């Protein structure tokens, strides 16, 4: 994998926690942005980025290459990560 997957998440979201756990269990190194823990201006930027990528403000959002996965979907994660 050329670049690390990027995860936009909320620190309290159970689906975000499942997605992070799935990646960790499969030894996938990823970058994570816990949007709710950012400073206000950075939080606004991250929310705008999520909305631009997905058309909504739903979490988690996982970016793997050109693929964008919204929500916790292990089948899509496996396919995108070639697991």
C-alpha atoms as a PDB file:
ATOM      1  CA  UNK A   1       0.000   0.000   0.000  1.00  0.00           C
ATOM      2  CA  UNK A   2       1.504   3.298  -1.120  1.00  0.00           C
ATOM      3  CA  UNK A   3      -0.090   5.679   1.326  1.00  0.00           C
ATOM      4  CA  UNK A   4      -1.620   5.106   4.726  1.00  0.00           C
ATOM      5  CA  UNK A   5      -5.392   5.007   4.953  1.00  0.00           C
ATOM      6  CA  UNK A   6      -6.896   8.084   6.580  1.00  0.00           C
ATOM      7  CA  UNK A   7      -9.739   7.849   9.051  1.00  0.00           C
ATOM      8  CA  UNK A   8     -12.017  10.707  10.058  1.00  0.00           C
ATOM      9  CA  UNK A   9     -13.730   9.704  13.288  1.00  0.00           C
ATOM     10  CA  UNK A  10     -15.399  10.890  16.457  1.00  0.00           C
ATOM     11  CA  UNK A  11     -13.733   9.768  19.687  1.00  0.00           C
ATOM     12  CA  UNK A  12     -17.050   8.671  21.235  1.00  0.00           C
ATOM     13  CA  UNK A  13     -18.563   6.953  18.174  1.00  0.00           C
ATOM     14  CA  UNK A  14     -18.914   3.154  18.586  1.00  0.00           C
ATOM     15  CA  UNK A  15     -18.733   2.585  14.804  1.00  0.00           C
ATOM     16  CA  UNK A  16     -15.549   4.651  14.617  1.00  0.00           C
ATOM     17  CA  UNK A  17     -14.050   2.556  17.423  1.00  0.00           C
ATOM     18  CA  UNK A  18     -14.956  -0.652  15.552  1.00  0.00           C
ATOM     19  CA  UNK A  19     -13.324   0.635  12.382  1.00  0.00           C
ATOM     20  CA  UNK A  20     -10.123   1.586  14.232  1.00  0.00           C
ATOM     21  CA  UNK A  21     -10.093  -1.798  15.981  1.00  0.00           C
ATOM     22  CA  UNK A  22     -10.562  -3.599  12.634  1.00  0.00           C
ATOM     23  CA  UNK A  23      -7.599  -1.737  11.125  1.00  0.00           C
ATOM     24  CA  UNK A  24      -5.437  -2.389  14.187  1.00  0.00           C
ATOM     25  CA  UNK A  25      -6.333  -6.100  14.275  1.00  0.00           C
ATOM     26  CA  UNK A  26      -5.200  -6.363  10.644  1.00  0.00           C
ATOM     27  CA  UNK A  27      -1.964  -4.481  11.415  1.00  0.00           C
ATOM     28  CA  UNK A  28      -2.912  -1.599   9.109  1.00  0.00           C
ATOM     29  CA  UNK A  29      -1.028   1.615   9.908  1.00  0.00           C
ATOM     30  CA  UNK A  30      -3.366   4.562   9.383  1.00  0.00           C
ATOM     31  CA  UNK A  31      -3.715   8.263  10.084  1.00  0.00           C
ATOM     32  CA  UNK A  32      -6.669   9.216  12.244  1.00  0.00           C
ATOM     33  CA  UNK A  33      -8.378  12.537  12.807  1.00  0.00           C
ATOM     34  CA  UNK A  34     -10.716  12.504  15.812  1.00  0.00           C
ATOM     35  CA  UNK A  35     -12.737  15.478  14.634  1.00  0.00           C
ATOM     36  CA  UNK A  36     -14.462  16.153  17.972  1.00  0.00           C
ATOM     37  CA  UNK A  37     -11.089  16.530  19.722  1.00  0.00           C
ATOM     38  CA  UNK A  38      -9.777  19.218  17.370  1.00  0.00           C
ATOM     39  CA  UNK A  39      -9.748  22.935  18.136  1.00  0.00           C
ATOM     40  CA  UNK A  40     -12.863  24.714  16.861  1.00  0.00           C
ATOM     41  CA  UNK A  41     -11.347  26.126  13.657  1.00  0.00           C
ATOM     42  CA  UNK A  42      -9.640  22.800  12.802  1.00  0.00           C
ATOM     43  CA  UNK A  43     -12.881  20.980  13.595  1.00  0.00           C
ATOM     44  CA  UNK A  44     -14.731  23.169  11.088  1.00  0.00           C
ATOM     45  CA  UNK A  45     -12.062  22.449   8.446  1.00  0.00           C
ATOM     46  CA  UNK A  46     -12.277  18.689   9.049  1.00  0.00           C
ATOM     47  CA  UNK A  47     -16.091  18.722   8.903  1.00  0.00           C
ATOM     48  CA  UNK A  48     -15.964  20.645   5.622  1.00  0.00           C
ATOM     49  CA  UNK A  49     -13.475  18.107   4.231  1.00  0.00           C
ATOM     50  CA  UNK A  50     -15.699  15.185   5.266  1.00  0.00           C
ATOM     51  CA  UNK A  51     -18.726  16.863   3.705  1.00  0.00           C
ATOM     52  CA  UNK A  52     -16.800  17.598   0.508  1.00  0.00           C
ATOM     53  CA  UNK A  53     -15.666  13.946   0.273  1.00  0.00           C
ATOM     54  CA  UNK A  54     -18.983  12.298   1.142  1.00  0.00           C
ATOM     55  CA  UNK A  55     -21.743  14.875   0.692  1.00  0.00           C
ATOM     56  CA  UNK A  56     -22.683  14.557   4.368  1.00  0.00           C
ATOM     57  CA  UNK A  57     -21.282  14.628   7.875  1.00  0.00           C
ATOM     58  CA  UNK A  58     -21.273  10.951   8.800  1.00  0.00           C
ATOM     59  CA  UNK A  59     -18.589   9.008  10.622  1.00  0.00           C
ATOM     60  CA  UNK A  60     -16.359   7.124  10.328  1.00  0.00           C
ATOM     61  CA  UNK A  61     -14.952   8.024   6.928  1.00  0.00           C
ATOM     62  CA  UNK A  62     -12.042   5.908   5.700  1.00  0.00           C
ATOM     63  CA  UNK A  63     -10.005   6.995   2.700  1.00  0.00           C
ATOM     64  CA  UNK A  64      -7.971   4.239   1.076  1.00  0.00           C
ATOM     65  CA  UNK A  65      -6.333   5.464  -2.103  1.00  0.00           C
ATOM     66  CA  UNK A  66      -9.199   6.784  -4.230  1.00  0.00           C
ATOM     67  CA  UNK A  67     -11.831   4.784  -2.317  1.00  0.00           C
ATOM     68  CA  UNK A  68     -13.972   6.496   0.314  1.00  0.00           C
ATOM     69  CA  UNK A  69     -15.856   4.299   2.778  1.00  0.00           C
ATOM     70  CA  UNK A  70     -18.531   5.912   4.933  1.00  0.00           C
ATOM     71  CA  UNK A  71     -19.613   4.043   8.046  1.00  0.00           C
ATOM     72  CA  UNK A  72     -18.219   0.842   9.511  1.00  0.00           C
ATOM     73  CA  UNK A  73     -18.259  -1.671   6.658  1.00  0.00           C
ATOM     74  CA  UNK A  74     -15.797  -4.535   7.105  1.00  0.00           C
ATOM     75  CA  UNK A  75     -16.529  -6.017   3.668  1.00  0.00           C
ATOM     76  CA  UNK A  76     -15.660  -2.759   1.932  1.00  0.00           C
ATOM     77  CA  UNK A  77     -12.575  -2.312   4.141  1.00  0.00           C
ATOM     78  CA  UNK A  78     -11.371  -5.830   3.324  1.00  0.00           C
ATOM     79  CA  UNK A  79     -11.877  -5.257  -0.392  1.00  0.00           C
ATOM     80  CA  UNK A  80     -10.166  -1.854  -0.414  1.00  0.00           C
ATOM     81  CA  UNK A  81      -7.258  -3.152   1.681  1.00  0.00           C
ATOM     82  CA  UNK A  82      -7.066  -6.435  -0.291  1.00  0.00           C
ATOM     83  CA  UNK A  83      -7.380  -8.545   2.866  1.00  0.00           C
END
